Amino acid sequence: MLSHLILTVDYSDNWEQAIKQLPPLLERLRTRRLTLTYVVEPHTRKHIRDSDSAVESKLRDLARQYAEHWGVDTDYEVRHGFVASCVLELARHHKADGVICCSTHHSAGRELFRGNITMNLARMTRRPLLILPVEAQPSSPQSPVFLATDGSENARRCEELFQMLTSDGQEGRVVWVRPDDAPPEADEVDRLVHDIANSKASVHARILTGHPSRELLALIRDSQPALTLIGKRGSTPEDQFPLGHTAETVVRESRHPVLLVP
């Protein structure tokens, strides 16, 4: 499935809290290899802890620890530049299946200066992006997997991954939020959602009505899924936004893990 993932590292307390969610998700995604990376940014004040040798030593220790405790092959690389572009270039170089980042919610002032790394990755990525919010706790094996879909062609890859994630009897829910002003074609999406749900006994359909991102976030908050899959862009025209409005809102505000699928 997502056999090789790039894991971004930043060593903050929030990052260490968020990363605790990762082991059960790696098992669900059938991940067998992690490449850890720390990006030294050009505008940060340099301390001894920012030297390549110090950063590499920390990454080596983490890689050894994760290989031992999580049962995955690990390696690591130090990069220099802007985080999002460096991480995505590393993923391209290794032909990785996706990227993992922790949404650590930097302060407004720092975000204004640095930009939000999670959102930059979400807007730029052409590979699946697993986002781990700081607030979430590790999921249990019984926690369901959500597929948020609008039935568009852009959601097809997302639906394929969901089918694989629920292939072993894992509980899943296919979620579609019909806008209040939904066109007649929305009935076709209803049928698609039920078709996906009916393909497996462990998968169920959930059709809601209202504002898509608001309803979806409320359902995630109340149901606490292990993972929510959402396409990077739904019916939003590509020349207007690099990331669909619903996907951007869910990535930014969800307090449970999200897998953004281009």
Protein backbone atom coordinates (compact mmCIF):
# COMPACT_ATOMS: atom_id res chain seq x y z
CA MET A 1 0.00 0.00 0.00
CA LEU A 2 2.12 2.93 1.30
CA SER A 3 5.24 0.84 1.74
CA HIS A 4 7.84 3.65 1.98
CA LEU A 5 7.08 6.94 3.71
CA ILE A 6 9.17 10.05 4.40
CA LEU A 7 8.85 11.16 8.04
CA THR A 8 9.52 14.83 8.79
CA VAL A 9 11.23 15.43 12.15
CA ASP A 10 11.35 18.66 14.15
CA TYR A 11 12.17 17.52 17.75
CA SER A 12 9.59 19.76 19.43
CA ASP A 13 7.56 18.51 22.39
CA ASN A 14 4.42 18.72 20.26
CA TRP A 15 6.05 16.64 17.55
CA GLU A 16 7.01 13.95 20.06
CA GLN A 17 3.40 13.89 21.29
CA ALA A 18 1.96 13.64 17.78
CA ILE A 19 4.33 10.87 16.67
CA LYS A 20 2.87 8.49 19.28
CA GLN A 21 -0.07 8.01 16.89
CA LEU A 22 2.14 6.63 14.15
CA PRO A 23 2.80 2.92 14.99
CA PRO A 24 -0.80 1.65 14.55
CA LEU A 25 -1.19 3.74 11.40
CA LEU A 26 1.99 2.28 9.89
CA GLU A 27 0.52 -1.17 10.45
CA ARG A 28 -2.75 -0.20 8.79
CA LEU A 29 -0.94 1.37 5.83
CA ARG A 30 1.42 -1.64 5.56
CA THR A 31 4.44 0.61 5.75
CA ARG A 32 7.73 -1.27 5.75
CA ARG A 33 10.26 1.54 5.39
CA LEU A 34 10.68 5.01 6.86
CA THR A 35 13.13 7.68 5.78
CA LEU A 36 13.52 10.26 8.55
CA THR A 37 14.49 13.76 7.53
CA TYR A 38 15.30 17.01 9.29
CA VAL A 39 15.53 20.17 7.19
CA VAL A 40 17.92 22.89 8.35
CA GLU A 41 16.27 26.12 7.20
CA PRO A 42 18.39 29.02 5.87
CA HIS A 43 16.75 31.70 8.02
CA THR A 44 17.06 29.94 11.40
CA ARG A 45 19.66 31.08 13.91
CA LYS A 46 22.46 28.52 13.96
CA HIS A 47 23.37 26.78 17.21
CA ILE A 48 25.62 23.82 17.80
CA ARG A 49 22.50 21.64 17.86
CA ASP A 50 21.81 22.72 14.28
CA SER A 51 25.13 21.46 12.93
CA ASP A 52 24.88 18.65 10.43
CA SER A 53 26.75 16.27 12.72
CA ALA A 54 24.42 16.98 15.68
CA VAL A 55 21.28 16.66 13.56
CA GLU A 56 22.55 13.50 11.90
CA SER A 57 23.35 11.95 15.29
CA LYS A 58 19.81 12.62 16.51
CA LEU A 59 18.27 11.19 13.34
CA ARG A 60 20.46 8.10 13.59
CA ASP A 61 19.31 7.49 17.15
CA LEU A 62 15.65 7.95 16.21
CA ALA A 63 16.00 5.67 13.19
CA ARG A 64 17.54 2.95 15.35
CA GLN A 65 14.82 3.36 17.97
CA TYR A 66 11.96 3.19 15.45
CA ALA A 67 13.43 0.21 13.64
CA GLU A 68 13.63 -1.67 16.93
CA HIS A 69 10.25 -0.67 18.37
CA TRP A 70 8.11 -0.41 15.25
CA GLY A 71 9.56 -3.22 13.14
CA VAL A 72 10.22 -1.11 10.05
CA ASP A 73 13.39 -0.52 8.04
CA THR A 74 14.71 2.99 8.63
CA ASP A 75 17.21 5.40 7.15
CA TYR A 76 17.69 9.16 7.44
CA GLU A 77 18.83 12.25 5.58
CA VAL A 78 19.65 15.84 6.55
CA ARG A 79 18.54 18.47 4.04
CA HIS A 80 19.08 22.24 3.75
CA GLY A 81 16.49 24.70 2.47
CA PHE A 82 12.79 25.31 2.87
CA VAL A 83 11.03 22.42 4.58
CA ALA A 84 8.15 21.65 2.23
CA SER A 85 10.16 21.79 -0.99
CA CYS A 86 13.07 19.79 0.51
CA VAL A 87 10.78 17.08 1.89
CA LEU A 88 8.88 16.67 -1.37
CA GLU A 89 12.11 16.57 -3.37
CA LEU A 90 13.38 13.84 -1.03
CA ALA A 91 10.16 11.87 -1.59
CA ARG A 92 10.56 12.25 -5.33
CA HIS A 93 14.23 11.23 -5.20
CA HIS A 94 13.45 8.05 -3.28
CA LYS A 95 10.22 7.38 -5.19
CA ALA A 96 8.50 7.16 -1.81
CA ASP A 97 4.81 6.37 -1.54
CA GLY A 98 4.01 9.34 0.66
CA VAL A 99 5.01 11.79 3.38
CA ILE A 100 4.20 12.05 7.09
CA CYS A 101 4.05 15.38 8.90
CA CYS A 102 2.87 16.48 12.33
CA SER A 103 0.53 19.43 12.58
CA THR A 104 2.10 21.25 15.50
CA HIS A 105 0.10 24.49 15.20
CA HIS A 106 2.87 27.07 15.43
CA SER A 107 2.03 30.43 16.92
CA ALA A 108 0.39 32.98 14.61
CA GLY A 109 3.50 35.19 14.56
CA ARG A 110 5.83 32.34 13.75
CA GLU A 111 3.45 30.99 11.13
CA LEU A 112 3.31 34.42 9.47
CA PHE A 113 7.11 34.45 9.27
CA ARG A 114 7.77 30.84 8.36
CA GLY A 115 4.54 29.81 6.74
CA ASN A 116 2.61 26.77 7.90
CA ILE A 117 4.70 23.75 6.93
CA THR A 118 1.76 21.35 7.04
CA MET A 119 -0.35 23.51 4.74
CA ASN A 120 2.58 24.13 2.40
CA LEU A 121 3.09 20.37 2.10
CA ALA A 122 -0.63 19.85 1.53
CA ARG A 123 -0.76 22.42 -1.25
CA MET A 124 2.42 21.25 -2.98
CA THR A 125 2.38 17.46 -2.63
CA ARG A 126 1.72 15.05 -5.47
CA ARG A 127 1.98 12.09 -3.11
CA PRO A 128 -0.29 11.03 -0.23
CA LEU A 129 0.30 13.14 2.88
CA LEU A 130 -0.40 11.71 6.33
CA ILE A 131 -1.08 14.49 8.84
CA LEU A 132 -0.84 13.75 12.59
CA PRO A 133 -2.45 16.42 14.78
CA VAL A 134 -0.86 17.10 18.15
CA GLU A 135 -4.14 16.63 20.01
CA ALA A 136 -4.95 13.08 18.86
CA GLN A 137 -4.24 9.86 20.72
CA PRO A 138 -3.09 6.53 19.22
CA SER A 139 -6.02 4.68 17.65
CA SER A 140 -7.29 1.27 18.65
CA PRO A 141 -7.65 -1.63 16.18
CA GLN A 142 -11.43 -1.16 16.40
CA SER A 143 -11.36 2.49 15.29
CA PRO A 144 -12.96 2.92 11.85
CA VAL A 145 -11.41 4.36 8.71
CA PHE A 146 -13.33 7.13 6.97
CA LEU A 147 -13.48 7.91 3.26
CA ALA A 148 -14.69 11.44 2.59
CA THR A 149 -15.78 11.64 -1.04
CA ASP A 150 -17.77 13.86 -3.36
CA GLY A 151 -17.88 11.31 -6.16
CA SER A 152 -15.57 13.32 -8.42
CA GLU A 153 -12.89 11.81 -10.65
CA ASN A 154 -10.30 13.40 -8.37
CA ALA A 155 -11.45 11.11 -5.53
CA ARG A 156 -10.75 7.85 -7.39
CA ARG A 157 -7.26 7.25 -5.98
CA CYS A 158 -8.62 7.99 -2.52
CA GLU A 159 -11.36 5.41 -3.00
CA GLU A 160 -8.81 2.80 -4.16
CA LEU A 161 -6.73 3.27 -1.00
CA PHE A 162 -9.86 3.02 1.14
CA GLN A 163 -10.78 -0.26 -0.54
CA MET A 164 -7.34 -1.64 0.31
CA LEU A 165 -7.49 -0.39 3.90
CA THR A 166 -10.82 -2.17 4.45
CA SER A 167 -9.93 -5.35 2.55
CA ASP A 168 -9.31 -7.37 5.75
CA GLY A 169 -12.62 -6.64 7.47
CA GLN A 170 -11.53 -3.30 8.95
CA GLU A 171 -14.57 -1.16 9.77
CA GLY A 172 -15.00 1.71 7.34
CA ARG A 173 -17.45 4.50 6.62
CA VAL A 174 -17.98 6.23 3.30
CA VAL A 175 -18.99 9.81 4.02
CA TRP A 176 -20.60 12.20 1.57
CA VAL A 177 -21.95 15.60 2.58
CA ARG A 178 -24.60 16.82 0.16
CA PRO A 179 -24.55 20.63 -0.01
CA ASP A 180 -27.83 22.33 0.76
CA ASP A 181 -27.96 23.48 -2.87
CA ALA A 182 -26.87 20.13 -4.33
CA PRO A 183 -27.57 19.74 -8.07
CA PRO A 184 -29.58 16.79 -9.47
CA GLU A 185 -26.30 14.98 -10.21
CA ALA A 186 -25.86 14.55 -6.46
CA ASP A 187 -28.15 11.51 -6.67
CA GLU A 188 -25.39 9.78 -8.63
CA VAL A 189 -22.98 10.44 -5.76
CA ASP A 190 -25.53 8.91 -3.36
CA ARG A 191 -25.54 5.75 -5.47
CA LEU A 192 -21.74 5.66 -5.66
CA VAL A 193 -21.45 5.98 -1.88
CA HIS A 194 -23.87 3.10 -1.36
CA ASP A 195 -22.10 1.00 -3.99
CA ILE A 196 -18.77 1.41 -2.18
CA ALA A 197 -20.37 0.63 1.17
CA ASN A 198 -22.22 -2.42 -0.16
CA SER A 199 -19.00 -3.92 -1.51
CA LYS A 200 -17.97 -5.04 2.01
CA ALA A 201 -19.94 -6.08 5.08
CA SER A 202 -17.68 -4.00 7.34
CA VAL A 203 -18.20 -0.75 5.38
CA HIS A 204 -21.19 1.55 5.86
CA ALA A 205 -22.49 4.65 4.10
CA ARG A 206 -23.05 7.95 5.89
CA ILE A 207 -24.76 10.66 3.87
CA LEU A 208 -25.13 14.05 5.53
CA THR A 209 -26.56 17.36 4.38
CA GLY A 210 -25.12 20.81 4.95
CA HIS A 211 -21.81 22.61 4.71
CA PRO A 212 -19.28 19.90 3.66
CA SER A 213 -16.27 20.82 5.79
CA ARG A 214 -18.36 21.75 8.85
CA GLU A 215 -20.37 18.51 8.79
CA LEU A 216 -17.33 16.37 8.08
CA LEU A 217 -15.30 17.89 10.91
CA ALA A 218 -18.19 17.39 13.33
CA LEU A 219 -18.45 13.73 12.35
CA ILE A 220 -14.68 13.24 12.76
CA ARG A 221 -14.81 14.91 16.17
CA ASP A 222 -17.69 12.75 17.39
CA SER A 223 -16.62 9.40 15.85
CA GLN A 224 -12.83 9.69 16.36
CA PRO A 225 -11.76 7.57 13.37
CA ALA A 226 -8.28 6.11 13.14
CA LEU A 227 -7.84 7.85 9.80
CA THR A 228 -9.84 9.99 7.38
CA LEU A 229 -9.00 9.76 3.69
CA ILE A 230 -9.83 12.79 1.59
CA GLY A 231 -8.94 13.74 -1.96
CA LYS A 232 -6.70 16.73 -2.43
CA ARG A 233 -9.15 18.45 -4.73
CA GLY A 234 -12.81 17.75 -5.28
CA SER A 235 -14.80 19.71 -7.82
CA THR A 236 -12.81 22.91 -7.25
CA PRO A 237 -11.29 24.11 -10.57
CA GLU A 238 -7.55 23.50 -10.60
CA ASP A 239 -6.74 26.97 -11.87
CA GLN A 240 -8.37 28.57 -8.82
CA PHE A 241 -6.96 26.74 -5.80
CA PRO A 242 -4.03 24.35 -5.28
CA LEU A 243 -6.09 22.55 -2.62
CA GLY A 244 -9.85 22.12 -2.51
CA HIS A 245 -11.68 24.18 0.10
CA THR A 246 -13.09 21.18 1.98
CA ALA A 247 -9.77 19.34 1.98
CA GLU A 248 -7.89 22.43 3.17
CA THR A 249 -10.32 23.03 6.02
CA VAL A 250 -10.20 19.40 7.16
CA VAL A 251 -6.39 19.31 7.00
CA ARG A 252 -6.15 22.55 8.95
CA GLU A 253 -8.77 21.83 11.62
CA SER A 254 -9.12 18.07 12.12
CA ARG A 255 -7.97 16.83 15.52
CA HIS A 256 -7.63 13.27 14.23
CA PRO A 257 -5.25 11.87 11.56
CA VAL A 258 -5.97 12.71 7.93
CA LEU A 259 -4.55 11.10 4.80
CA LEU A 260 -4.65 13.66 1.98
CA VAL A 261 -4.58 11.88 -1.39
CA PRO A 262 -3.75 13.81 -4.59
